[in-house]
Amino acid sequence: MQYRRAYIQGSSYFFTLVTEQRRKLFIDDTNVYLLYQAFHHVMKKRPFTTDAIVVLPEHLHCIWTLPPNDADFSTWWRLIKT
């Protein structure tokens, strides 16, 4: 399957991410805090706005608004996952 992605600077994007093999990683408060720290760390270096986030046991939903001069959400996700 070939994905089509719109990279529009300064736009808002909706994301759904699922954990590997749908493992319920986010039942544990420690893992949710680690996720929070990862977001915070990346946002200090490459600011963007998290308009909304919902963390469920095996996946999460986010709405982000990117800066006016950037549309590279793939790099943000790579940094957060790292």
PDB file of N, CA and C in Angstrom:
ATOM      1  N   MET A   1       0.840  -1.168   0.000  1.00  0.00           N
ATOM      2  CA  MET A   1       0.000   0.000   0.000  1.00  0.00           C
ATOM      3  C   MET A   1       0.891   1.239   0.000  1.00  0.00           C
ATOM      4  N   GLN A   2       0.548   2.196  -0.806  1.00  0.00           N
ATOM      5  CA  GLN A   2       1.300   3.438  -0.866  1.00  0.00           C
ATOM      6  C   GLN A   2       0.476   4.532  -0.195  1.00  0.00           C
ATOM      7  N   TYR A   3       1.072   5.152   0.817  1.00  0.00           N
ATOM      8  CA  TYR A   3       0.389   6.207   1.546  1.00  0.00           C
ATOM      9  C   TYR A   3       0.558   7.543   0.847  1.00  0.00           C
ATOM     10  N   ARG A   4      -0.462   8.353   0.922  1.00  0.00           N
ATOM     11  CA  ARG A   4      -0.378   9.731   0.458  1.00  0.00           C
ATOM     12  C   ARG A   4      -0.379  10.611   1.696  1.00  0.00           C
ATOM     13  N   ARG A   5       0.608  11.446   1.796  1.00  0.00           N
ATOM     14  CA  ARG A   5       0.709  12.322   2.951  1.00  0.00           C
ATOM     15  C   ARG A   5       0.793  13.762   2.482  1.00  0.00           C
ATOM     16  N   ALA A   6       0.031  14.597   3.113  1.00  0.00           N
ATOM     17  CA  ALA A   6       0.067  16.024   2.802  1.00  0.00           C
ATOM     18  C   ALA A   6       1.013  16.706   3.781  1.00  0.00           C
ATOM     19  N   TYR A   7       2.071  17.254   3.265  1.00  0.00           N
ATOM     20  CA  TYR A   7       3.027  18.000   4.076  1.00  0.00           C
ATOM     21  C   TYR A   7       2.796  19.482   3.812  1.00  0.00           C
ATOM     22  N   ILE A   8       1.978  20.114   4.649  1.00  0.00           N
ATOM     23  CA  ILE A   8       1.641  21.520   4.485  1.00  0.00           C
ATOM     24  C   ILE A   8       2.136  22.272   5.717  1.00  0.00           C
ATOM     25  N   GLN A   9       3.033  23.197   5.506  1.00  0.00           N
ATOM     26  CA  GLN A   9       3.630  23.946   6.610  1.00  0.00           C
ATOM     27  C   GLN A   9       2.569  24.658   7.434  1.00  0.00           C
ATOM     28  N   GLY A  10       2.731  24.563   8.773  1.00  0.00           N
ATOM     29  CA  GLY A  10       1.835  25.253   9.683  1.00  0.00           C
ATOM     30  C   GLY A  10       0.457  24.640   9.832  1.00  0.00           C
ATOM     31  N   SER A  11       0.230  23.470   9.271  1.00  0.00           N
ATOM     32  CA  SER A  11      -1.092  22.841   9.319  1.00  0.00           C
ATOM     33  C   SER A  11      -1.293  22.051  10.606  1.00  0.00           C
ATOM     34  N   SER A  12      -2.540  21.657  10.819  1.00  0.00           N
ATOM     35  CA  SER A  12      -2.884  20.766  11.923  1.00  0.00           C
ATOM     36  C   SER A  12      -3.077  19.368  11.365  1.00  0.00           C
ATOM     37  N   TYR A  13      -2.639  18.378  12.141  1.00  0.00           N
ATOM     38  CA  TYR A  13      -2.681  16.987  11.704  1.00  0.00           C
ATOM     39  C   TYR A  13      -3.256  16.119  12.809  1.00  0.00           C
ATOM     40  N   PHE A  14      -4.012  15.093  12.417  1.00  0.00           N
ATOM     41  CA  PHE A  14      -4.534  14.091  13.342  1.00  0.00           C
ATOM     42  C   PHE A  14      -3.735  12.816  13.149  1.00  0.00           C
ATOM     43  N   PHE A  15      -3.268  12.238  14.254  1.00  0.00           N
ATOM     44  CA  PHE A  15      -2.481  11.005  14.205  1.00  0.00           C
ATOM     45  C   PHE A  15      -3.085   9.961  15.128  1.00  0.00           C
ATOM     46  N   THR A  16      -2.979   8.711  14.709  1.00  0.00           N
ATOM     47  CA  THR A  16      -3.251   7.573  15.571  1.00  0.00           C
ATOM     48  C   THR A  16      -2.026   6.687  15.515  1.00  0.00           C
ATOM     49  N   LEU A  17      -1.481   6.362  16.670  1.00  0.00           N
ATOM     50  CA  LEU A  17      -0.331   5.468  16.756  1.00  0.00           C
ATOM     51  C   LEU A  17      -0.700   4.273  17.609  1.00  0.00           C
ATOM     52  N   VAL A  18      -0.297   3.102  17.168  1.00  0.00           N
ATOM     53  CA  VAL A  18      -0.594   1.863  17.875  1.00  0.00           C
ATOM     54  C   VAL A  18       0.720   1.256  18.349  1.00  0.00           C
ATOM     55  N   THR A  19       0.719   0.723  19.553  1.00  0.00           N
ATOM     56  CA  THR A  19       1.923   0.081  20.071  1.00  0.00           C
ATOM     57  C   THR A  19       2.203  -1.211  19.291  1.00  0.00           C
ATOM     58  N   GLU A  20       3.437  -1.645  19.352  1.00  0.00           N
ATOM     59  CA  GLU A  20       3.827  -2.872  18.665  1.00  0.00           C
ATOM     60  C   GLU A  20       2.988  -4.040  19.183  1.00  0.00           C
ATOM     61  N   GLN A  21       2.393  -4.760  18.276  1.00  0.00           N
ATOM     62  CA  GLN A  21       1.538  -5.913  18.574  1.00  0.00           C
ATOM     63  C   GLN A  21       0.413  -5.566  19.552  1.00  0.00           C
ATOM     64  N   ARG A  22       0.030  -4.304  19.534  1.00  0.00           N
ATOM     65  CA  ARG A  22      -1.047  -3.790  20.400  1.00  0.00           C
ATOM     66  C   ARG A  22      -0.827  -4.129  21.879  1.00  0.00           C
ATOM     67  N   ARG A  23       0.432  -4.110  22.278  1.00  0.00           N
ATOM     68  CA  ARG A  23       0.746  -4.331  23.703  1.00  0.00           C
ATOM     69  C   ARG A  23       0.186  -3.170  24.516  1.00  0.00           C
ATOM     70  N   LYS A  24      -0.362  -3.458  25.650  1.00  0.00           N
ATOM     71  CA  LYS A  24      -1.003  -2.438  26.491  1.00  0.00           C
ATOM     72  C   LYS A  24       0.035  -1.722  27.357  1.00  0.00           C
ATOM     73  N   LEU A  25       0.919  -1.001  26.685  1.00  0.00           N
ATOM     74  CA  LEU A  25       2.016  -0.311  27.363  1.00  0.00           C
ATOM     75  C   LEU A  25       1.535   0.835  28.244  1.00  0.00           C
ATOM     76  N   PHE A  26       0.450   1.477  27.855  1.00  0.00           N
ATOM     77  CA  PHE A  26       0.038   2.690  28.543  1.00  0.00           C
ATOM     78  C   PHE A  26      -0.933   2.441  29.693  1.00  0.00           C
ATOM     79  N   ILE A  27      -1.071   1.185  30.102  1.00  0.00           N
ATOM     80  CA  ILE A  27      -1.801   0.889  31.340  1.00  0.00           C
ATOM     81  C   ILE A  27      -0.947   1.325  32.525  1.00  0.00           C
ATOM     82  N   ASP A  28       0.350   1.220  32.348  1.00  0.00           N
ATOM     83  CA  ASP A  28       1.318   1.562  33.388  1.00  0.00           C
ATOM     84  C   ASP A  28       1.575   3.069  33.384  1.00  0.00           C
ATOM     85  N   ASP A  29       1.331   3.723  34.515  1.00  0.00           N
ATOM     86  CA  ASP A  29       1.535   5.170  34.618  1.00  0.00           C
ATOM     87  C   ASP A  29       2.977   5.573  34.320  1.00  0.00           C
ATOM     88  N   THR A  30       3.921   4.706  34.630  1.00  0.00           N
ATOM     89  CA  THR A  30       5.328   5.007  34.353  1.00  0.00           C
ATOM     90  C   THR A  30       5.555   5.171  32.857  1.00  0.00           C
ATOM     91  N   ASN A  31       4.948   4.311  32.054  1.00  0.00           N
ATOM     92  CA  ASN A  31       5.105   4.407  30.598  1.00  0.00           C
ATOM     93  C   ASN A  31       4.428   5.658  30.037  1.00  0.00           C
ATOM     94  N   VAL A  32       3.297   6.042  30.606  1.00  0.00           N
ATOM     95  CA  VAL A  32       2.627   7.273  30.170  1.00  0.00           C
ATOM     96  C   VAL A  32       3.519   8.465  30.504  1.00  0.00           C
ATOM     97  N   TYR A  33       4.149   8.436  31.672  1.00  0.00           N
ATOM     98  CA  TYR A  33       5.056   9.522  32.046  1.00  0.00           C
ATOM     99  C   TYR A  33       6.270   9.565  31.121  1.00  0.00           C
ATOM    100  N   LEU A  34       6.796   8.413  30.740  1.00  0.00           N
ATOM    101  CA  LEU A  34       7.919   8.369  29.791  1.00  0.00           C
ATOM    102  C   LEU A  34       7.506   8.968  28.444  1.00  0.00           C
ATOM    103  N   LEU A  35       6.295   8.682  28.018  1.00  0.00           N
ATOM    104  CA  LEU A  35       5.771   9.278  26.785  1.00  0.00           C
ATOM    105  C   LEU A  35       5.704  10.798  26.930  1.00  0.00           C
ATOM    106  N   TYR A  36       5.181  11.265  28.055  1.00  0.00           N
ATOM    107  CA  TYR A  36       5.124  12.703  28.325  1.00  0.00           C
ATOM    108  C   TYR A  36       6.515  13.324  28.268  1.00  0.00           C
ATOM    109  N   GLN A  37       7.487  12.680  28.893  1.00  0.00           N
ATOM    110  CA  GLN A  37       8.855  13.200  28.885  1.00  0.00           C
ATOM    111  C   GLN A  37       9.425  13.254  27.463  1.00  0.00           C
ATOM    112  N   ALA A  38       9.130  12.244  26.662  1.00  0.00           N
ATOM    113  CA  ALA A  38       9.610  12.232  25.276  1.00  0.00           C
ATOM    114  C   ALA A  38       9.017  13.409  24.493  1.00  0.00           C
ATOM    115  N   PHE A  39       7.717  13.633  24.654  1.00  0.00           N
ATOM    116  CA  PHE A  39       7.083  14.783  23.994  1.00  0.00           C
ATOM    117  C   PHE A  39       7.744  16.078  24.447  1.00  0.00           C
ATOM    118  N   HIS A  40       7.890  16.234  25.749  1.00  0.00           N
ATOM    119  CA  HIS A  40       8.455  17.464  26.314  1.00  0.00           C
ATOM    120  C   HIS A  40       9.879  17.694  25.806  1.00  0.00           C
ATOM    121  N   HIS A  41      10.687  16.660  25.781  1.00  0.00           N
ATOM    122  CA  HIS A  41      12.079  16.762  25.324  1.00  0.00           C
ATOM    123  C   HIS A  41      12.150  17.214  23.864  1.00  0.00           C
ATOM    124  N   VAL A  42      11.345  16.610  23.012  1.00  0.00           N
ATOM    125  CA  VAL A  42      11.359  16.959  21.590  1.00  0.00           C
ATOM    126  C   VAL A  42      10.806  18.369  21.374  1.00  0.00           C
ATOM    127  N   MET A  43       9.763  18.724  22.107  1.00  0.00           N
ATOM    128  CA  MET A  43       9.144  20.037  21.925  1.00  0.00           C
ATOM    129  C   MET A  43      10.077  21.174  22.351  1.00  0.00           C
ATOM    130  N   LYS A  44      10.997  20.911  23.274  1.00  0.00           N
ATOM    131  CA  LYS A  44      11.961  21.943  23.663  1.00  0.00           C
ATOM    132  C   LYS A  44      12.922  22.248  22.520  1.00  0.00           C
ATOM    133  N   LYS A  45      13.278  21.225  21.743  1.00  0.00           N
ATOM    134  CA  LYS A  45      14.228  21.406  20.643  1.00  0.00           C
ATOM    135  C   LYS A  45      13.553  21.828  19.351  1.00  0.00           C
ATOM    136  N   ARG A  46      12.365  21.282  19.095  1.00  0.00           N
ATOM    137  CA  ARG A  46      11.626  21.571  17.859  1.00  0.00           C
ATOM    138  C   ARG A  46      10.171  21.835  18.220  1.00  0.00           C
ATOM    139  N   PRO A  47       9.846  23.064  18.603  1.00  0.00           N
ATOM    140  CA  PRO A  47       8.506  23.365  19.106  1.00  0.00           C
ATOM    141  C   PRO A  47       7.385  23.103  18.095  1.00  0.00           C
ATOM    142  N   PHE A  48       6.305  22.584  18.602  1.00  0.00           N
ATOM    143  CA  PHE A  48       5.046  22.441  17.890  1.00  0.00           C
ATOM    144  C   PHE A  48       3.957  22.459  18.949  1.00  0.00           C
ATOM    145  N   THR A  49       2.711  22.532  18.548  1.00  0.00           N
ATOM    146  CA  THR A  49       1.608  22.592  19.491  1.00  0.00           C
ATOM    147  C   THR A  49       0.861  21.272  19.504  1.00  0.00           C
ATOM    148  N   THR A  50       0.673  20.728  20.686  1.00  0.00           N
ATOM    149  CA  THR A  50      -0.190  19.567  20.858  1.00  0.00           C
ATOM    150  C   THR A  50      -1.558  20.111  21.241  1.00  0.00           C
ATOM    151  N   ASP A  51      -2.486  20.089  20.303  1.00  0.00           N
ATOM    152  CA  ASP A  51      -3.822  20.618  20.545  1.00  0.00           C
ATOM    153  C   ASP A  51      -4.664  19.661  21.377  1.00  0.00           C
ATOM    154  N   ALA A  52      -4.449  18.377  21.191  1.00  0.00           N
ATOM    155  CA  ALA A  52      -5.188  17.367  21.952  1.00  0.00           C
ATOM    156  C   ALA A  52      -4.405  16.057  21.897  1.00  0.00           C
ATOM    157  N   ILE A  53      -4.534  15.292  22.969  1.00  0.00           N
ATOM    158  CA  ILE A  53      -3.940  13.948  22.979  1.00  0.00           C
ATOM    159  C   ILE A  53      -4.811  13.054  23.855  1.00  0.00           C
ATOM    160  N   VAL A  54      -5.045  11.847  23.382  1.00  0.00           N
ATOM    161  CA  VAL A  54      -5.770  10.835  24.138  1.00  0.00           C
ATOM    162  C   VAL A  54      -4.888   9.601  24.164  1.00  0.00           C
ATOM    163  N   VAL A  55      -4.540   9.161  25.358  1.00  0.00           N
ATOM    164  CA  VAL A  55      -3.683   7.985  25.518  1.00  0.00           C
ATOM    165  C   VAL A  55      -4.555   6.844  26.034  1.00  0.00           C
ATOM    166  N   LEU A  56      -4.634   5.790  25.262  1.00  0.00           N
ATOM    167  CA  LEU A  56      -5.395   4.592  25.605  1.00  0.00           C
ATOM    168  C   LEU A  56      -4.408   3.454  25.851  1.00  0.00           C
ATOM    169  N   PRO A  57      -4.840   2.318  26.379  1.00  0.00           N
ATOM    170  CA  PRO A  57      -3.884   1.265  26.761  1.00  0.00           C
ATOM    171  C   PRO A  57      -2.909   0.835  25.670  1.00  0.00           C
ATOM    172  N   GLU A  58      -3.373   0.719  24.406  1.00  0.00           N
ATOM    173  CA  GLU A  58      -2.477   0.219  23.363  1.00  0.00           C
ATOM    174  C   GLU A  58      -2.328   1.163  22.176  1.00  0.00           C
ATOM    175  N   HIS A  59      -2.871   2.367  22.288  1.00  0.00           N
ATOM    176  CA  HIS A  59      -2.686   3.335  21.210  1.00  0.00           C
ATOM    177  C   HIS A  59      -2.933   4.752  21.728  1.00  0.00           C
ATOM    178  N   LEU A  60      -2.625   5.724  20.874  1.00  0.00           N
ATOM    179  CA  LEU A  60      -2.892   7.108  21.237  1.00  0.00           C
ATOM    180  C   LEU A  60      -3.345   7.880  20.011  1.00  0.00           C
ATOM    181  N   HIS A  61      -4.083   8.945  20.267  1.00  0.00           N
ATOM    182  CA  HIS A  61      -4.549   9.862  19.237  1.00  0.00           C
ATOM    183  C   HIS A  61      -4.006  11.243  19.576  1.00  0.00           C
ATOM    184  N   CYS A  62      -3.557  11.971  18.569  1.00  0.00           N
ATOM    185  CA  CYS A  62      -3.030  13.323  18.766  1.00  0.00           C
ATOM    186  C   CYS A  62      -3.516  14.244  17.663  1.00  0.00           C
ATOM    187  N   ILE A  63      -3.675  15.497  18.024  1.00  0.00           N
ATOM    188  CA  ILE A  63      -3.834  16.572  17.042  1.00  0.00           C
ATOM    189  C   ILE A  63      -2.709  17.557  17.303  1.00  0.00           C
ATOM    190  N   TRP A  64      -1.907  17.774  16.287  1.00  0.00           N
ATOM    191  CA  TRP A  64      -0.772  18.698  16.361  1.00  0.00           C
ATOM    192  C   TRP A  64      -0.974  19.830  15.372  1.00  0.00           C
ATOM    193  N   THR A  65      -0.485  21.003  15.756  1.00  0.00           N
ATOM    194  CA  THR A  65      -0.338  22.113  14.821  1.00  0.00           C
ATOM    195  C   THR A  65       1.151  22.395  14.713  1.00  0.00           C
ATOM    196  N   LEU A  66       1.652  22.338  13.497  1.00  0.00           N
ATOM    197  CA  LEU A  66       3.077  22.518  13.268  1.00  0.00           C
ATOM    198  C   LEU A  66       3.400  23.995  13.048  1.00  0.00           C
ATOM    199  N   PRO A  67       4.666  24.363  13.243  1.00  0.00           N
ATOM    200  CA  PRO A  67       5.063  25.756  13.037  1.00  0.00           C
ATOM    201  C   PRO A  67       4.842  26.189  11.582  1.00  0.00           C
ATOM    202  N   PRO A  68       4.721  27.494  11.363  1.00  0.00           N
ATOM    203  CA  PRO A  68       4.451  28.004  10.009  1.00  0.00           C
ATOM    204  C   PRO A  68       5.521  27.642   8.984  1.00  0.00           C
ATOM    205  N   ASN A  69       6.727  27.366   9.426  1.00  0.00           N
ATOM    206  CA  ASN A  69       7.821  27.096   8.486  1.00  0.00           C
ATOM    207  C   ASN A  69       8.205  25.622   8.417  1.00  0.00           C
ATOM    208  N   ASP A  70       7.361  24.735   8.930  1.00  0.00           N
ATOM    209  CA  ASP A  70       7.751  23.324   8.976  1.00  0.00           C
ATOM    210  C   ASP A  70       6.538  22.426   8.755  1.00  0.00           C
ATOM    211  N   ALA A  71       6.750  21.323   8.066  1.00  0.00           N
ATOM    212  CA  ALA A  71       5.697  20.338   7.835  1.00  0.00           C
ATOM    213  C   ALA A  71       6.214  18.922   8.034  1.00  0.00           C
ATOM    214  N   ASP A  72       7.368  18.794   8.645  1.00  0.00           N
ATOM    215  CA  ASP A  72       8.046  17.505   8.753  1.00  0.00           C
ATOM    216  C   ASP A  72       7.620  16.743  10.005  1.00  0.00           C
ATOM    217  N   PHE A  73       6.353  16.329  10.058  1.00  0.00           N
ATOM    218  CA  PHE A  73       5.869  15.611  11.231  1.00  0.00           C
ATOM    219  C   PHE A  73       6.525  14.241  11.383  1.00  0.00           C
ATOM    220  N   SER A  74       7.011  13.670  10.304  1.00  0.00           N
ATOM    221  CA  SER A  74       7.680  12.362  10.383  1.00  0.00           C
ATOM    222  C   SER A  74       8.907  12.426  11.281  1.00  0.00           C
ATOM    223  N   THR A  75       9.664  13.507  11.190  1.00  0.00           N
ATOM    224  CA  THR A  75      10.847  13.654  12.033  1.00  0.00           C
ATOM    225  C   THR A  75      10.448  13.796  13.500  1.00  0.00           C
ATOM    226  N   TRP A  76       9.385  14.561  13.768  1.00  0.00           N
ATOM    227  CA  TRP A  76       8.935  14.685  15.152  1.00  0.00           C
ATOM    228  C   TRP A  76       8.592  13.316  15.728  1.00  0.00           C
ATOM    229  N   TRP A  77       7.841  12.512  14.990  1.00  0.00           N
ATOM    230  CA  TRP A  77       7.480  11.191  15.506  1.00  0.00           C
ATOM    231  C   TRP A  77       8.705  10.312  15.696  1.00  0.00           C
ATOM    232  N   ARG A  78       9.649  10.381  14.755  1.00  0.00           N
ATOM    233  CA  ARG A  78      10.867   9.585  14.906  1.00  0.00           C
ATOM    234  C   ARG A  78      11.597   9.973  16.192  1.00  0.00           C
ATOM    235  N   LEU A  79      11.709  11.260  16.462  1.00  0.00           N
ATOM    236  CA  LEU A  79      12.395  11.725  17.669  1.00  0.00           C
ATOM    237  C   LEU A  79      11.652  11.302  18.934  1.00  0.00           C
ATOM    238  N   ILE A  80      10.348  11.399  18.933  1.00  0.00           N
ATOM    239  CA  ILE A  80       9.566  10.994  20.109  1.00  0.00           C
ATOM    240  C   ILE A  80       9.698   9.490  20.344  1.00  0.00           C
ATOM    241  N   LYS A  81       9.625   8.699  19.294  1.00  0.00           N
ATOM    242  CA  LYS A  81       9.732   7.244  19.442  1.00  0.00           C
ATOM    243  C   LYS A  81      11.128   6.818  19.885  1.00  0.00           C
ATOM    244  N   THR A  82      12.134   7.588  19.493  1.00  0.00           N
ATOM    245  CA  THR A  82      13.505   7.272  19.881  1.00  0.00           C
ATOM    246  C   THR A  82      13.678   7.461  21.357  1.00  0.00           C
TER     247      THR A  82
END
